[in-house]
Amino acid sequence: MPELKRLGSVAAVIGLAAAGTIAATGTASAASYNGACGSGYGVIDTMDVGDGIAYLTYNSASGKNCVVTLTDTQGTPTILGANLRLHRTDNVWKDSEYDNGTYKYYAGPVYASAAGRCIDWGGHAASNYTRIDYGVHCG
């Protein structure tokens, strides 16, 4: 009977390994940051925005933030948006940077200098669902 228990454990481990491979493969289809903001920008935050990912980047030399939204289906025309602005308490998107349209790869980049301020940022992909984080990444 101990042999059957050991075989069951081995099968369970193989099953978990296969499930991990399947999960990793699904995640790998999501687009990774493409450097669209330019040199010197590093990713400081990401946001799932439906059928894509919005990336918030920062360049310490220039003091600027940048947002780019990449589609999960690179090469296929997709409705995308990238949004960035200095935080306002009235939540009115005035003096903001945004890029909305149908793109095959990404929306943006959009930039803002936010030294000593907080920002609102976000995006959307393939839907009317726009996700925004308000008053974050203060500096």
N, C-alpha and C. Protein backbone atom coordinates (compact mmCIF):
# COMPACT_ATOMS: atom_id res chain seq x y z
N MET A 1 0.81 -1.20 0.00
CA MET A 1 0.00 0.00 0.00
C MET A 1 0.86 1.28 0.00
N PRO A 2 2.04 1.29 0.67
CA PRO A 2 2.87 2.49 0.64
C PRO A 2 3.28 2.87 -0.78
N GLU A 3 3.48 1.85 -1.67
CA GLU A 3 3.85 2.15 -3.05
C GLU A 3 2.75 2.94 -3.77
N LEU A 4 1.49 2.60 -3.54
CA LEU A 4 0.38 3.32 -4.17
C LEU A 4 0.32 4.75 -3.67
N LYS A 5 0.58 4.96 -2.39
CA LYS A 5 0.57 6.31 -1.82
C LYS A 5 1.68 7.14 -2.45
N ARG A 6 2.85 6.54 -2.62
CA ARG A 6 3.98 7.26 -3.21
C ARG A 6 3.67 7.61 -4.67
N LEU A 7 3.09 6.67 -5.42
CA LEU A 7 2.72 6.94 -6.80
C LEU A 7 1.68 8.06 -6.89
N GLY A 8 0.75 8.07 -5.95
CA GLY A 8 -0.25 9.14 -5.91
C GLY A 8 0.41 10.49 -5.65
N SER A 9 1.39 10.54 -4.78
CA SER A 9 2.10 11.78 -4.48
C SER A 9 2.88 12.27 -5.69
N VAL A 10 3.53 11.33 -6.39
CA VAL A 10 4.28 11.69 -7.59
C VAL A 10 3.32 12.25 -8.64
N ALA A 11 2.17 11.61 -8.83
CA ALA A 11 1.19 12.09 -9.80
C ALA A 11 0.69 13.48 -9.42
N ALA A 12 0.49 13.72 -8.14
CA ALA A 12 0.04 15.04 -7.68
C ALA A 12 1.09 16.09 -7.98
N VAL A 13 2.36 15.78 -7.74
CA VAL A 13 3.44 16.73 -8.00
C VAL A 13 3.52 17.02 -9.50
N ILE A 14 3.41 15.99 -10.33
CA ILE A 14 3.45 16.19 -11.78
C ILE A 14 2.25 17.03 -12.22
N GLY A 15 1.08 16.77 -11.64
CA GLY A 15 -0.11 17.56 -11.96
C GLY A 15 0.06 19.02 -11.59
N LEU A 16 0.64 19.29 -10.41
CA LEU A 16 0.87 20.67 -9.99
C LEU A 16 1.87 21.36 -10.91
N ALA A 17 2.91 20.64 -11.29
CA ALA A 17 3.91 21.22 -12.19
C ALA A 17 3.27 21.56 -13.53
N ALA A 18 2.43 20.68 -14.04
CA ALA A 18 1.75 20.95 -15.31
C ALA A 18 0.82 22.13 -15.18
N ALA A 19 0.09 22.22 -14.08
CA ALA A 19 -0.82 23.35 -13.87
C ALA A 19 -0.03 24.65 -13.80
N GLY A 20 1.13 24.63 -13.15
CA GLY A 20 1.98 25.82 -13.08
C GLY A 20 2.45 26.24 -14.45
N THR A 21 2.78 25.26 -15.31
CA THR A 21 3.20 25.56 -16.67
C THR A 21 2.07 26.18 -17.46
N ILE A 22 0.86 25.66 -17.31
CA ILE A 22 -0.30 26.20 -18.01
C ILE A 22 -0.57 27.62 -17.53
N ALA A 23 -0.52 27.85 -16.22
CA ALA A 23 -0.76 29.19 -15.68
C ALA A 23 0.30 30.16 -16.18
N ALA A 24 1.55 29.73 -16.19
CA ALA A 24 2.62 30.61 -16.64
C ALA A 24 2.46 30.94 -18.11
N THR A 25 2.02 29.98 -18.91
CA THR A 25 1.82 30.23 -20.33
C THR A 25 0.73 31.26 -20.55
N GLY A 26 -0.38 31.19 -19.80
CA GLY A 26 -1.46 32.16 -19.93
C GLY A 26 -0.99 33.56 -19.57
N THR A 27 -0.20 33.68 -18.52
CA THR A 27 0.31 34.97 -18.10
C THR A 27 1.30 35.52 -19.11
N ALA A 28 2.05 34.66 -19.75
CA ALA A 28 3.07 35.10 -20.69
C ALA A 28 2.46 35.82 -21.89
N SER A 29 1.18 35.59 -22.19
CA SER A 29 0.57 36.25 -23.32
C SER A 29 0.31 37.73 -23.04
N ALA A 30 0.29 38.12 -21.78
CA ALA A 30 0.09 39.53 -21.44
C ALA A 30 1.33 40.31 -21.88
N ALA A 31 1.11 41.50 -22.45
CA ALA A 31 2.21 42.31 -22.96
C ALA A 31 3.06 42.84 -21.82
N SER A 32 4.37 42.83 -22.02
CA SER A 32 5.26 43.41 -21.03
C SER A 32 5.67 44.81 -21.51
N TYR A 33 6.14 45.63 -20.58
CA TYR A 33 6.50 47.01 -20.89
C TYR A 33 7.48 47.05 -22.06
N ASN A 34 7.23 47.95 -23.01
CA ASN A 34 7.98 47.99 -24.26
C ASN A 34 8.98 49.14 -24.37
N GLY A 35 9.16 49.92 -23.30
CA GLY A 35 10.11 51.03 -23.35
C GLY A 35 9.61 52.25 -24.11
N ALA A 36 8.32 52.34 -24.38
CA ALA A 36 7.76 53.42 -25.20
C ALA A 36 7.95 54.81 -24.60
N CYS A 37 8.16 54.91 -23.31
CA CYS A 37 8.34 56.24 -22.69
C CYS A 37 9.71 56.83 -23.00
N GLY A 38 10.65 55.99 -23.39
CA GLY A 38 11.99 56.47 -23.72
C GLY A 38 13.02 55.97 -22.73
N SER A 39 14.26 56.35 -22.99
CA SER A 39 15.34 55.88 -22.12
C SER A 39 15.29 56.59 -20.77
N GLY A 40 15.70 55.88 -19.76
CA GLY A 40 15.73 56.44 -18.41
C GLY A 40 14.46 56.23 -17.61
N TYR A 41 13.41 55.70 -18.24
CA TYR A 41 12.14 55.46 -17.55
C TYR A 41 12.10 54.02 -17.05
N GLY A 42 11.75 53.88 -15.78
CA GLY A 42 11.59 52.55 -15.19
C GLY A 42 10.17 52.38 -14.69
N VAL A 43 9.66 51.17 -14.77
CA VAL A 43 8.29 50.87 -14.33
C VAL A 43 8.21 50.97 -12.81
N ILE A 44 7.24 51.76 -12.31
CA ILE A 44 7.02 51.87 -10.87
C ILE A 44 5.67 51.31 -10.44
N ASP A 45 4.78 51.06 -11.42
CA ASP A 45 3.48 50.49 -11.08
C ASP A 45 2.85 49.93 -12.36
N THR A 46 1.97 48.94 -12.18
CA THR A 46 1.21 48.38 -13.29
C THR A 46 -0.24 48.26 -12.87
N MET A 47 -1.11 48.17 -13.87
CA MET A 47 -2.53 48.08 -13.60
C MET A 47 -3.20 47.23 -14.69
N ASP A 48 -3.94 46.22 -14.28
CA ASP A 48 -4.73 45.42 -15.21
C ASP A 48 -5.93 46.26 -15.64
N VAL A 49 -6.08 46.49 -16.94
CA VAL A 49 -7.16 47.35 -17.43
C VAL A 49 -8.03 46.63 -18.45
N GLY A 50 -8.38 45.41 -18.15
CA GLY A 50 -9.21 44.64 -19.08
C GLY A 50 -8.34 43.78 -19.96
N ASP A 51 -8.35 44.07 -21.26
CA ASP A 51 -7.56 43.29 -22.21
C ASP A 51 -6.19 43.91 -22.44
N GLY A 52 -5.60 44.45 -21.39
CA GLY A 52 -4.28 45.05 -21.49
C GLY A 52 -3.74 45.42 -20.12
N ILE A 53 -2.56 46.03 -20.14
CA ILE A 53 -1.91 46.45 -18.90
C ILE A 53 -1.43 47.88 -19.08
N ALA A 54 -1.73 48.73 -18.10
CA ALA A 54 -1.21 50.09 -18.08
C ALA A 54 0.06 50.08 -17.24
N TYR A 55 1.07 50.78 -17.73
CA TYR A 55 2.35 50.88 -17.04
C TYR A 55 2.60 52.33 -16.66
N LEU A 56 2.93 52.56 -15.39
CA LEU A 56 3.35 53.86 -14.91
C LEU A 56 4.86 53.80 -14.76
N THR A 57 5.55 54.73 -15.41
CA THR A 57 7.00 54.76 -15.33
C THR A 57 7.46 56.10 -14.78
N TYR A 58 8.72 56.15 -14.36
CA TYR A 58 9.29 57.38 -13.81
C TYR A 58 10.73 57.51 -14.27
N ASN A 59 11.11 58.74 -14.58
CA ASN A 59 12.49 59.06 -14.94
C ASN A 59 13.03 60.00 -13.88
N SER A 60 13.95 59.51 -13.05
CA SER A 60 14.47 60.32 -11.94
C SER A 60 15.31 61.49 -12.43
N ALA A 61 15.92 61.39 -13.59
CA ALA A 61 16.72 62.50 -14.12
C ALA A 61 15.85 63.67 -14.54
N SER A 62 14.70 63.39 -15.15
CA SER A 62 13.82 64.47 -15.63
C SER A 62 12.72 64.80 -14.63
N GLY A 63 12.44 63.89 -13.68
CA GLY A 63 11.36 64.11 -12.72
C GLY A 63 9.98 63.90 -13.33
N LYS A 64 9.91 63.22 -14.47
CA LYS A 64 8.63 63.03 -15.16
C LYS A 64 8.11 61.60 -14.98
N ASN A 65 6.78 61.52 -14.91
CA ASN A 65 6.08 60.25 -14.96
C ASN A 65 5.59 60.05 -16.39
N CYS A 66 5.34 58.80 -16.76
CA CYS A 66 4.83 58.47 -18.08
C CYS A 66 3.92 57.26 -17.96
N VAL A 67 2.82 57.25 -18.74
CA VAL A 67 1.90 56.11 -18.77
C VAL A 67 1.77 55.60 -20.20
N VAL A 68 1.80 54.28 -20.32
CA VAL A 68 1.59 53.57 -21.58
C VAL A 68 0.65 52.42 -21.28
N THR A 69 -0.34 52.17 -22.14
CA THR A 69 -1.23 51.01 -22.00
C THR A 69 -1.01 50.10 -23.19
N LEU A 70 -0.61 48.85 -22.92
CA LEU A 70 -0.36 47.86 -23.96
C LEU A 70 -1.50 46.87 -24.02
N THR A 71 -1.87 46.47 -25.24
CA THR A 71 -2.90 45.47 -25.41
C THR A 71 -2.32 44.07 -25.19
N ASP A 72 -3.16 43.16 -24.72
CA ASP A 72 -2.76 41.77 -24.57
C ASP A 72 -2.69 41.06 -25.92
N THR A 73 -3.31 41.63 -26.95
CA THR A 73 -3.35 41.01 -28.27
C THR A 73 -2.55 41.87 -29.25
N GLN A 74 -1.24 41.90 -29.08
CA GLN A 74 -0.35 42.70 -29.91
C GLN A 74 -0.59 42.43 -31.39
N GLY A 75 -0.74 43.52 -32.17
CA GLY A 75 -0.95 43.41 -33.61
C GLY A 75 -2.41 43.46 -34.03
N THR A 76 -3.32 43.32 -33.07
CA THR A 76 -4.75 43.36 -33.36
C THR A 76 -5.29 44.73 -32.96
N PRO A 77 -5.98 45.45 -33.85
CA PRO A 77 -6.53 46.75 -33.47
C PRO A 77 -7.44 46.63 -32.23
N THR A 78 -7.13 47.44 -31.22
CA THR A 78 -7.83 47.38 -29.94
C THR A 78 -8.07 48.80 -29.44
N ILE A 79 -9.22 49.05 -28.84
CA ILE A 79 -9.48 50.35 -28.22
C ILE A 79 -8.63 50.43 -26.95
N LEU A 80 -7.77 51.44 -26.89
CA LEU A 80 -6.85 51.60 -25.76
C LEU A 80 -6.85 53.04 -25.27
N GLY A 81 -6.50 53.22 -24.00
CA GLY A 81 -6.36 54.55 -23.44
C GLY A 81 -5.29 54.59 -22.37
N ALA A 82 -4.59 55.71 -22.28
CA ALA A 82 -3.59 55.96 -21.25
C ALA A 82 -3.88 57.35 -20.68
N ASN A 83 -3.93 57.46 -19.34
CA ASN A 83 -4.30 58.72 -18.68
C ASN A 83 -3.31 59.06 -17.58
N LEU A 84 -2.99 60.36 -17.46
CA LEU A 84 -2.06 60.82 -16.43
C LEU A 84 -2.31 62.30 -16.17
N ARG A 85 -2.34 62.67 -14.91
CA ARG A 85 -2.47 64.09 -14.56
C ARG A 85 -1.98 64.31 -13.14
N LEU A 86 -1.74 65.56 -12.79
CA LEU A 86 -1.45 65.92 -11.41
C LEU A 86 -2.75 65.78 -10.63
N HIS A 87 -2.67 65.26 -9.43
CA HIS A 87 -3.88 65.00 -8.65
C HIS A 87 -4.60 66.30 -8.30
N ARG A 88 -5.92 66.27 -8.46
CA ARG A 88 -6.79 67.38 -8.07
C ARG A 88 -7.85 66.81 -7.14
N THR A 89 -8.24 67.56 -6.16
CA THR A 89 -9.24 67.07 -5.21
C THR A 89 -10.65 67.04 -5.79
N ASP A 90 -10.89 67.76 -6.89
CA ASP A 90 -12.24 67.77 -7.47
C ASP A 90 -12.44 66.66 -8.51
N ASN A 91 -11.40 65.86 -8.77
CA ASN A 91 -11.46 64.74 -9.72
C ASN A 91 -11.94 65.13 -11.11
N VAL A 92 -11.69 66.37 -11.51
CA VAL A 92 -11.99 66.82 -12.86
C VAL A 92 -10.71 66.65 -13.69
N TRP A 93 -10.83 65.97 -14.83
CA TRP A 93 -9.64 65.72 -15.66
C TRP A 93 -9.28 66.95 -16.48
N LYS A 94 -8.85 67.99 -15.79
CA LYS A 94 -8.45 69.24 -16.41
C LYS A 94 -6.92 69.26 -16.47
N ASP A 95 -6.36 69.82 -17.51
CA ASP A 95 -4.90 69.88 -17.66
C ASP A 95 -4.28 68.50 -17.55
N SER A 96 -4.95 67.52 -18.10
CA SER A 96 -4.44 66.15 -18.03
C SER A 96 -3.87 65.73 -19.38
N GLU A 97 -3.09 64.70 -19.34
CA GLU A 97 -2.53 64.11 -20.54
C GLU A 97 -3.26 62.79 -20.76
N TYR A 98 -3.74 62.56 -21.95
CA TYR A 98 -4.39 61.28 -22.24
C TYR A 98 -4.23 60.96 -23.72
N ASP A 99 -4.32 59.70 -24.01
CA ASP A 99 -4.29 59.22 -25.39
C ASP A 99 -5.29 58.09 -25.48
N ASN A 100 -6.34 58.28 -26.25
CA ASN A 100 -7.38 57.27 -26.45
C ASN A 100 -7.56 57.05 -27.94
N GLY A 101 -7.68 55.79 -28.32
CA GLY A 101 -7.89 55.49 -29.73
C GLY A 101 -7.84 53.99 -29.98
N THR A 102 -7.83 53.63 -31.25
CA THR A 102 -7.70 52.23 -31.63
C THR A 102 -6.28 52.02 -32.12
N TYR A 103 -5.57 51.16 -31.42
CA TYR A 103 -4.15 50.91 -31.72
C TYR A 103 -3.87 49.41 -31.77
N LYS A 104 -2.84 49.06 -32.52
CA LYS A 104 -2.44 47.65 -32.61
C LYS A 104 -1.52 47.23 -31.47
N TYR A 105 -0.85 48.18 -30.82
CA TYR A 105 0.14 47.81 -29.81
C TYR A 105 -0.03 48.55 -28.48
N TYR A 106 -0.09 49.88 -28.51
CA TYR A 106 -0.19 50.61 -27.25
C TYR A 106 -0.74 52.02 -27.43
N ALA A 107 -1.31 52.54 -26.34
CA ALA A 107 -1.72 53.94 -26.26
C ALA A 107 -0.69 54.67 -25.42
N GLY A 108 -0.47 55.94 -25.73
CA GLY A 108 0.54 56.72 -25.04
C GLY A 108 1.78 56.77 -25.91
N PRO A 109 2.83 57.24 -25.38
CA PRO A 109 3.04 57.63 -24.00
C PRO A 109 2.46 59.01 -23.69
N VAL A 110 2.05 59.18 -22.43
CA VAL A 110 1.62 60.49 -21.92
C VAL A 110 2.50 60.82 -20.72
N TYR A 111 2.86 62.10 -20.57
CA TYR A 111 3.85 62.51 -19.58
C TYR A 111 3.30 63.59 -18.65
N ALA A 112 3.87 63.67 -17.44
CA ALA A 112 3.58 64.75 -16.50
C ALA A 112 4.76 64.93 -15.56
N SER A 113 5.11 66.17 -15.30
CA SER A 113 6.11 66.49 -14.29
C SER A 113 5.37 66.65 -12.97
N ALA A 114 5.72 65.84 -11.99
CA ALA A 114 4.93 65.83 -10.75
C ALA A 114 5.78 65.97 -9.51
N ALA A 115 6.89 66.68 -9.60
CA ALA A 115 7.74 66.86 -8.42
C ALA A 115 6.95 67.54 -7.31
N GLY A 116 6.94 66.92 -6.14
CA GLY A 116 6.24 67.48 -4.98
C GLY A 116 4.73 67.33 -5.04
N ARG A 117 4.20 66.58 -5.99
CA ARG A 117 2.77 66.41 -6.14
C ARG A 117 2.42 64.93 -6.22
N CYS A 118 1.13 64.64 -6.11
CA CYS A 118 0.61 63.28 -6.32
C CYS A 118 0.01 63.22 -7.72
N ILE A 119 -0.11 62.03 -8.25
CA ILE A 119 -0.69 61.88 -9.59
C ILE A 119 -1.92 61.00 -9.57
N ASP A 120 -2.73 61.14 -10.61
CA ASP A 120 -3.83 60.23 -10.92
C ASP A 120 -3.42 59.58 -12.24
N TRP A 121 -3.59 58.29 -12.34
CA TRP A 121 -3.18 57.63 -13.57
C TRP A 121 -4.01 56.38 -13.82
N GLY A 122 -4.03 55.93 -15.06
CA GLY A 122 -4.77 54.72 -15.38
C GLY A 122 -4.89 54.52 -16.87
N GLY A 123 -5.85 53.68 -17.26
CA GLY A 123 -6.05 53.39 -18.67
C GLY A 123 -7.21 52.45 -18.89
N HIS A 124 -7.38 52.04 -20.13
CA HIS A 124 -8.40 51.05 -20.47
C HIS A 124 -7.96 50.29 -21.72
N ALA A 125 -8.54 49.11 -21.89
CA ALA A 125 -8.24 48.29 -23.06
C ALA A 125 -9.47 47.48 -23.45
N ALA A 126 -9.90 47.65 -24.69
CA ALA A 126 -10.96 46.86 -25.32
C ALA A 126 -12.31 46.93 -24.62
N SER A 127 -12.58 48.01 -23.91
CA SER A 127 -13.88 48.16 -23.26
C SER A 127 -14.07 49.61 -22.86
N ASN A 128 -15.23 49.92 -22.34
CA ASN A 128 -15.47 51.26 -21.80
C ASN A 128 -14.99 51.38 -20.37
N TYR A 129 -14.49 50.29 -19.82
CA TYR A 129 -14.03 50.26 -18.45
C TYR A 129 -12.69 50.96 -18.34
N THR A 130 -12.68 52.09 -17.66
CA THR A 130 -11.43 52.82 -17.42
C THR A 130 -11.11 52.71 -15.95
N ARG A 131 -9.89 52.34 -15.66
CA ARG A 131 -9.47 52.19 -14.28
C ARG A 131 -8.47 53.31 -13.96
N ILE A 132 -8.70 54.01 -12.86
CA ILE A 132 -7.86 55.13 -12.45
C ILE A 132 -7.50 54.98 -10.98
N ASP A 133 -6.26 55.25 -10.63
CA ASP A 133 -5.85 55.38 -9.23
C ASP A 133 -5.67 56.87 -8.97
N TYR A 134 -6.32 57.36 -7.91
CA TYR A 134 -6.29 58.79 -7.59
C TYR A 134 -5.34 59.10 -6.44
N GLY A 135 -4.57 60.17 -6.59
CA GLY A 135 -3.73 60.68 -5.52
C GLY A 135 -2.66 59.72 -5.06
N VAL A 136 -1.98 59.11 -5.99
CA VAL A 136 -0.96 58.11 -5.64
C VAL A 136 0.41 58.57 -6.12
N HIS A 137 1.43 57.83 -5.74
CA HIS A 137 2.82 58.08 -6.14
C HIS A 137 3.18 59.54 -5.95
N CYS A 138 3.13 59.96 -4.71
CA CYS A 138 3.43 61.34 -4.36
C CYS A 138 4.94 61.52 -4.18
N GLY A 139 5.41 62.67 -4.60
CA GLY A 139 6.86 62.87 -4.45
C GLY A 139 7.32 64.25 -4.64
